C-alpha atoms as a PDB file:
ATOM      1  CA  MET A   1     -27.980  27.600 -31.134  1.00  0.00           C
ATOM      2  CA  ARG A   2     -26.217  24.443 -32.880  1.00  0.00           C
ATOM      3  CA  LEU A   3     -23.436  24.469 -30.363  1.00  0.00           C
ATOM      4  CA  THR A   4     -26.015  23.517 -27.359  1.00  0.00           C
ATOM      5  CA  LEU A   5     -27.700  20.761 -30.017  1.00  0.00           C
ATOM      6  CA  MET A   6     -24.583  19.497 -30.380  1.00  0.00           C
ATOM      7  CA  ALA A   7     -23.451  19.724 -26.939  1.00  0.00           C
ATOM      8  CA  ALA A   8     -27.104  18.197 -25.738  1.00  0.00           C
ATOM      9  CA  ALA A   9     -26.550  15.257 -28.181  1.00  0.00           C
ATOM     10  CA  ILE A  10     -22.954  14.575 -26.830  1.00  0.00           C
ATOM     11  CA  MET A  11     -23.983  14.610 -23.255  1.00  0.00           C
ATOM     12  CA  LEU A  12     -26.868  12.224 -24.038  1.00  0.00           C
ATOM     13  CA  VAL A  13     -24.633   9.621 -25.478  1.00  0.00           C
ATOM     14  CA  SER A  14     -22.077   9.666 -22.457  1.00  0.00           C
ATOM     15  CA  VAL A  15     -24.524   9.267 -20.138  1.00  0.00           C
ATOM     16  CA  GLN A  16     -26.047   6.086 -22.065  1.00  0.00           C
ATOM     17  CA  ALA A  17     -22.240   4.966 -22.765  1.00  0.00           C
ATOM     18  CA  ASN A  18     -21.553   4.982 -19.250  1.00  0.00           C
ATOM     19  CA  ALA A  19     -24.848   2.746 -18.425  1.00  0.00           C
ATOM     20  CA  SER A  20     -23.691   0.604 -21.106  1.00  0.00           C
ATOM     21  CA  ILE A  21     -19.991   0.655 -19.637  1.00  0.00           C
ATOM     22  CA  GLU A  22     -21.553  -0.690 -16.274  1.00  0.00           C
ATOM     23  CA  GLN A  23     -23.652  -3.278 -17.172  1.00  0.00           C
ATOM     24  CA  GLN A  24     -20.674  -4.668 -19.085  1.00  0.00           C
ATOM     25  CA  LEU A  25     -18.300  -4.182 -16.408  1.00  0.00           C
ATOM     26  CA  THR A  26     -20.829  -6.132 -13.898  1.00  0.00           C
ATOM     27  CA  GLN A  27     -20.850  -8.895 -16.910  1.00  0.00           C
ATOM     28  CA  CYS A  28     -17.205  -9.061 -16.747  1.00  0.00           C
ATOM     29  CA  ALA A  29     -17.063  -9.321 -12.982  1.00  0.00           C
ATOM     30  CA  ALA A  30     -19.390 -12.246 -12.841  1.00  0.00           C
ATOM     31  CA  THR A  31     -17.661 -14.318 -15.151  1.00  0.00           C
ATOM     32  CA  ALA A  32     -15.336 -17.001 -12.851  1.00  0.00           C
ATOM     33  CA  ASP A  33     -12.438 -17.495 -15.124  1.00  0.00           C
ATOM     34  CA  LYS A  34      -9.916 -15.659 -14.469  1.00  0.00           C
ATOM     35  CA  LEU A  35      -8.621 -15.727 -18.306  1.00  0.00           C
ATOM     36  CA  ASP A  36     -12.188 -14.916 -19.642  1.00  0.00           C
ATOM     37  CA  ARG A  37     -12.864 -12.088 -16.861  1.00  0.00           C
ATOM     38  CA  LEU A  38      -9.361 -10.504 -18.015  1.00  0.00           C
ATOM     39  CA  ILE A  39     -10.383 -10.996 -22.016  1.00  0.00           C
ATOM     40  CA  CYS A  40     -14.046  -9.519 -21.174  1.00  0.00           C
ATOM     41  CA  TYR A  41     -12.191  -6.607 -19.397  1.00  0.00           C
ATOM     42  CA  ASP A  42      -9.869  -6.069 -22.150  1.00  0.00           C
ATOM     43  CA  LYS A  43     -12.788  -6.001 -24.991  1.00  0.00           C
ATOM     44  CA  LEU A  44     -14.559  -3.311 -22.798  1.00  0.00           C
ATOM     45  CA  ALA A  45     -11.305  -1.065 -22.582  1.00  0.00           C
ATOM     46  CA  GLU A  46     -11.227  -1.114 -26.566  1.00  0.00           C
ATOM     47  CA  SER A  47     -14.638  -0.730 -26.837  1.00  0.00           C
ATOM     48  CA  VAL A  48     -14.626   2.505 -24.674  1.00  0.00           C
ATOM     49  CA  LYS A  49     -11.360   3.234 -26.399  1.00  0.00           C
ATOM     50  CA  GLY A  50     -12.997   3.914 -29.566  1.00  0.00           C
ATOM     51  CA  VAL A  51     -16.103   5.335 -28.610  1.00  0.00           C
ATOM     52  CA  THR A  52     -14.291   8.427 -26.769  1.00  0.00           C
ATOM     53  CA  SER A  53     -11.687   8.600 -30.289  1.00  0.00           C
ATOM     54  CA  ALA A  54     -14.909   8.852 -31.941  1.00  0.00           C
ATOM     55  CA  LEU A  55     -16.516  11.624 -30.013  1.00  0.00           C
ATOM     56  CA  ALA A  56     -13.302  13.710 -29.883  1.00  0.00           C
ATOM     57  CA  SER A  57     -12.907  13.541 -33.882  1.00  0.00           C
ATOM     58  CA  THR A  58     -16.684  14.300 -34.288  1.00  0.00           C
ATOM     59  CA  GLN A  59     -16.409  17.523 -32.180  1.00  0.00           C
ATOM     60  CA  ALA A  60     -14.465  20.400 -33.634  1.00  0.00           C
ATOM     61  CA  GLU A  61     -15.357  23.062 -30.720  1.00  0.00           C
ATOM     62  CA  PRO A  62     -13.382  23.830 -27.586  1.00  0.00           C
ATOM     63  CA  ALA A  63     -16.358  24.551 -25.405  1.00  0.00           C
ATOM     64  CA  THR A  64     -17.376  20.552 -25.564  1.00  0.00           C
ATOM     65  CA  VAL A  65     -14.515  19.302 -24.996  1.00  0.00           C
ATOM     66  CA  ALA A  66     -15.637  19.076 -21.432  1.00  0.00           C
ATOM     67  CA  THR A  67     -18.144  17.059 -21.868  1.00  0.00           C
ATOM     68  CA  VAL A  68     -16.024  14.387 -23.817  1.00  0.00           C
ATOM     69  CA  ALA A  69     -13.977  13.972 -20.460  1.00  0.00           C
ATOM     70  CA  VAL A  70     -16.573  12.574 -18.638  1.00  0.00           C
ATOM     71  CA  PRO A  71     -16.211   9.006 -20.973  1.00  0.00           C
ATOM     72  CA  THR A  72     -12.727   9.423 -20.522  1.00  0.00           C
ATOM     73  CA  ALA A  73     -12.485   9.275 -16.673  1.00  0.00           C
ATOM     74  CA  VAL A  74     -15.140   6.321 -16.656  1.00  0.00           C
ATOM     75  CA  ALA A  75     -12.728   4.224 -19.603  1.00  0.00           C
ATOM     76  CA  VAL A  76      -9.397   5.337 -17.190  1.00  0.00           C
ATOM     77  CA  ALA A  77     -11.462   3.556 -13.634  1.00  0.00           C
ATOM     78  CA  ALA A  78     -13.190   0.911 -15.609  1.00  0.00           C
ATOM     79  CA  THR A  79     -10.201  -0.253 -16.982  1.00  0.00           C
ATOM     80  CA  ALA A  80      -7.670   0.338 -14.261  1.00  0.00           C
ATOM     81  CA  PRO A  81      -8.382  -2.287 -11.737  1.00  0.00           C
ATOM     82  CA  GLN A  82      -8.478  -5.519 -14.091  1.00  0.00           C
ATOM     83  CA  ALA A  83      -5.971  -8.208 -13.014  1.00  0.00           C
ATOM     84  CA  PRO A  84      -4.523  -6.583  -9.923  1.00  0.00           C
ATOM     85  CA  ALA A  85      -7.924  -5.990  -8.167  1.00  0.00           C
ATOM     86  CA  ALA A  86      -8.398  -9.830  -7.501  1.00  0.00           C
ATOM     87  CA  ASN A  87      -5.087  -9.987  -6.258  1.00  0.00           C
ATOM     88  CA  ILE A  88      -5.468  -7.056  -3.902  1.00  0.00           C
ATOM     89  CA  VAL A  89      -8.838  -8.580  -2.560  1.00  0.00           C
ATOM     90  CA  ASP A  90      -7.726 -12.133  -2.242  1.00  0.00           C
ATOM     91  CA  ASP A  91      -3.924 -10.461  -0.353  1.00  0.00           C
ATOM     92  CA  PHE A  92      -6.723  -7.881   2.075  1.00  0.00           C
ATOM     93  CA  GLY A  93      -5.244  -8.353   5.700  1.00  0.00           C
ATOM     94  CA  MET A  94      -2.218 -11.236   4.596  1.00  0.00           C
ATOM     95  CA  GLU A  95       0.264  -7.985   4.745  1.00  0.00           C
ATOM     96  CA  ALA A  96       1.276  -8.608   8.395  1.00  0.00           C
ATOM     97  CA  LYS A  97       1.609 -12.259   7.773  1.00  0.00           C
ATOM     98  CA  ARG A  98       3.952 -11.878   4.947  1.00  0.00           C
ATOM     99  CA  VAL A  99       5.910  -9.528   6.700  1.00  0.00           C
ATOM    100  CA  GLN A 100       6.159 -11.714   9.628  1.00  0.00           C
ATOM    101  CA  GLU A 101       7.338 -15.003   7.658  1.00  0.00           C
ATOM    102  CA  ASN A 102      10.616 -13.074   6.836  1.00  0.00           C
ATOM    103  CA  THR A 103      11.557 -11.211  10.250  1.00  0.00           C
ATOM    104  CA  VAL A 104      13.528 -12.172  13.108  1.00  0.00           C
ATOM    105  CA  ASP A 105      12.005 -11.965  16.783  1.00  0.00           C
ATOM    106  CA  LYS A 106      14.885 -12.402  18.997  1.00  0.00           C
ATOM    107  CA  ILE A 107      18.601 -11.755  18.344  1.00  0.00           C
ATOM    108  CA  TYR A 108      21.541 -12.271  20.870  1.00  0.00           C
ATOM    109  CA  LEU A 109      24.306  -9.611  21.067  1.00  0.00           C
ATOM    110  CA  GLU A 110      27.589  -8.879  22.914  1.00  0.00           C
ATOM    111  CA  VAL A 111      27.746  -5.837  24.857  1.00  0.00           C
ATOM    112  CA  GLN A 112      31.256  -3.835  23.449  1.00  0.00           C
ATOM    113  CA  SER A 113      30.619  -0.354  25.610  1.00  0.00           C
ATOM    114  CA  ILE A 114      27.957   1.088  27.544  1.00  0.00           C
ATOM    115  CA  THR A 115      27.444   4.774  28.140  1.00  0.00           C
ATOM    116  CA  GLU A 116      25.207   6.643  30.355  1.00  0.00           C
ATOM    117  CA  ASP A 117      22.923   9.828  29.736  1.00  0.00           C
ATOM    118  CA  PRO A 118      22.472  12.857  32.480  1.00  0.00           C
ATOM    119  CA  TYR A 119      19.187  11.349  33.070  1.00  0.00           C
ATOM    120  CA  GLY A 120      20.102   7.464  33.638  1.00  0.00           C
ATOM    121  CA  ALA A 121      19.461   6.053  30.429  1.00  0.00           C
ATOM    122  CA  ILE A 122      21.701   4.003  28.673  1.00  0.00           C
ATOM    123  CA  LYS A 123      23.423   3.364  25.211  1.00  0.00           C
ATOM    124  CA  VAL A 124      25.099   0.391  24.433  1.00  0.00           C
ATOM    125  CA  THR A 125      27.298  -0.379  21.508  1.00  0.00           C
ATOM    126  CA  PHE A 126      27.218  -4.162  20.594  1.00  0.00           C
ATOM    127  CA  THR A 127      30.040  -6.186  18.935  1.00  0.00           C
ATOM    128  CA  ASN A 128      28.406  -6.035  15.454  1.00  0.00           C
ATOM    129  CA  GLY A 129      28.190  -1.969  15.341  1.00  0.00           C
ATOM    130  CA  GLN A 130      24.366  -1.752  16.442  1.00  0.00           C
ATOM    131  CA  VAL A 131      23.847   1.121  19.215  1.00  0.00           C
ATOM    132  CA  TRP A 132      20.757   1.289  20.758  1.00  0.00           C
ATOM    133  CA  LYS A 133      19.456   3.425  23.601  1.00  0.00           C
ATOM    134  CA  GLN A 134      17.474   2.705  26.582  1.00  0.00           C
ATOM    135  CA  THR A 135      13.928   4.738  26.201  1.00  0.00           C
ATOM    136  CA  ASP A 136      12.237   4.085  29.418  1.00  0.00           C
ATOM    137  CA  GLY A 137      12.820   5.401  32.873  1.00  0.00           C
ATOM    138  CA  ARG A 138      14.109   2.225  34.684  1.00  0.00           C
ATOM    139  CA  LYS A 139      17.350   1.196  36.096  1.00  0.00           C
ATOM    140  CA  PHE A 140      19.026  -1.680  33.716  1.00  0.00           C
ATOM    141  CA  ASN A 141      22.245  -2.860  34.663  1.00  0.00           C
ATOM    142  CA  LEU A 142      24.673  -4.033  32.156  1.00  0.00           C
ATOM    143  CA  LYS A 143      28.568  -5.374  32.256  1.00  0.00           C
ATOM    144  CA  GLN A 144      31.080  -5.162  29.154  1.00  0.00           C
ATOM    145  CA  GLY A 145      30.989  -8.328  27.407  1.00  0.00           C
ATOM    146  CA  GLU A 146      27.683  -9.628  28.827  1.00  0.00           C
ATOM    147  CA  LYS A 147      25.613 -11.369  26.323  1.00  0.00           C
ATOM    148  CA  VAL A 148      22.049 -10.034  25.928  1.00  0.00           C
ATOM    149  CA  TYR A 149      18.968 -10.307  23.692  1.00  0.00           C
ATOM    150  CA  ILE A 150      16.556  -7.920  21.695  1.00  0.00           C
ATOM    151  CA  GLU A 151      13.489  -9.059  21.023  1.00  0.00           C
ATOM    152  CA  LYS A 152      10.332  -7.323  19.392  1.00  0.00           C
ATOM    153  CA  ALA A 153       7.895  -5.971  21.678  1.00  0.00           C
ATOM    154  CA  ALA A 154       4.153  -4.193  20.827  1.00  0.00           C
ATOM    155  CA  LEU A 155       3.516  -1.773  18.228  1.00  0.00           C
ATOM    156  CA  GLY A 156       7.065  -2.154  16.687  1.00  0.00           C
ATOM    157  CA  SER A 157       8.774  -1.341  19.914  1.00  0.00           C
ATOM    158  CA  PHE A 158      12.011  -3.499  21.137  1.00  0.00           C
ATOM    159  CA  LEU A 159      12.822  -5.153  24.722  1.00  0.00           C
ATOM    160  CA  MET A 160      16.570  -5.604  25.564  1.00  0.00           C
ATOM    161  CA  GLY A 161      17.173  -8.234  28.603  1.00  0.00           C
ATOM    162  CA  THR A 162      19.133 -10.812  29.712  1.00  0.00           C
ATOM    163  CA  ASP A 163      18.605 -14.535  29.792  1.00  0.00           C
ATOM    164  CA  GLU A 164      19.614 -14.639  33.352  1.00  0.00           C
ATOM    165  CA  ARG A 165      17.478 -12.246  34.546  1.00  0.00           C
ATOM    166  CA  ASN A 166      13.659 -11.211  34.068  1.00  0.00           C
ATOM    167  CA  ALA A 167      14.518  -7.467  33.818  1.00  0.00           C
ATOM    168  CA  LYS A 168      13.909  -5.938  30.912  1.00  0.00           C
ATOM    169  CA  ALA A 169      14.401  -2.384  29.205  1.00  0.00           C
ATOM    170  CA  ARG A 170      12.788  -0.442  26.055  1.00  0.00           C
ATOM    171  CA  VAL A 171      15.261  -0.072  23.456  1.00  0.00           C
ATOM    172  CA  LYS A 172      15.198   1.764  20.279  1.00  0.00           C
ATOM    173  CA  ARG A 173      17.922   1.468  17.692  1.00  0.00           C
ATOM    174  CA  LEU A 174      19.998   4.611  16.891  1.00  0.00           C
ATOM    175  CA  ASN A 175      22.108   3.489  14.069  1.00  0.00           C
END
């Protein structure tokens, strides 16, 4: 009987603490200044840690430990998205643009050697050591010493071609 009464009291306190935490989170989120918002979140985290440690010290039976895990989980969820949350929201959709800023779209290489597999696809070794293999079934003629370019295409694929003609072949890098 006493154990049930103690468990009910702890659950009542945890429900009220959760409602209070939600209100405090919305107040912190409404703060316009970044530094003030961070300070608000830090104070909230400290208050939640104090409540959970007080709840943990008042209970002696291991049967009621599961009821205390609820406020602890809420505290972890409440304190996790502090400062990085604003940064994550601000950066949403910009990943592709950042990747594009630091990349090269087209390179020019000189052919060192060419081998052809039984299916007609060519494997080209360039003077810088890169090896590229043709992935489509088109006939693509190259000569040793010829200068070609490899450019980015759709969906992460690459095209190899020459400036002298319009033909291109889809290729992938082997090394």
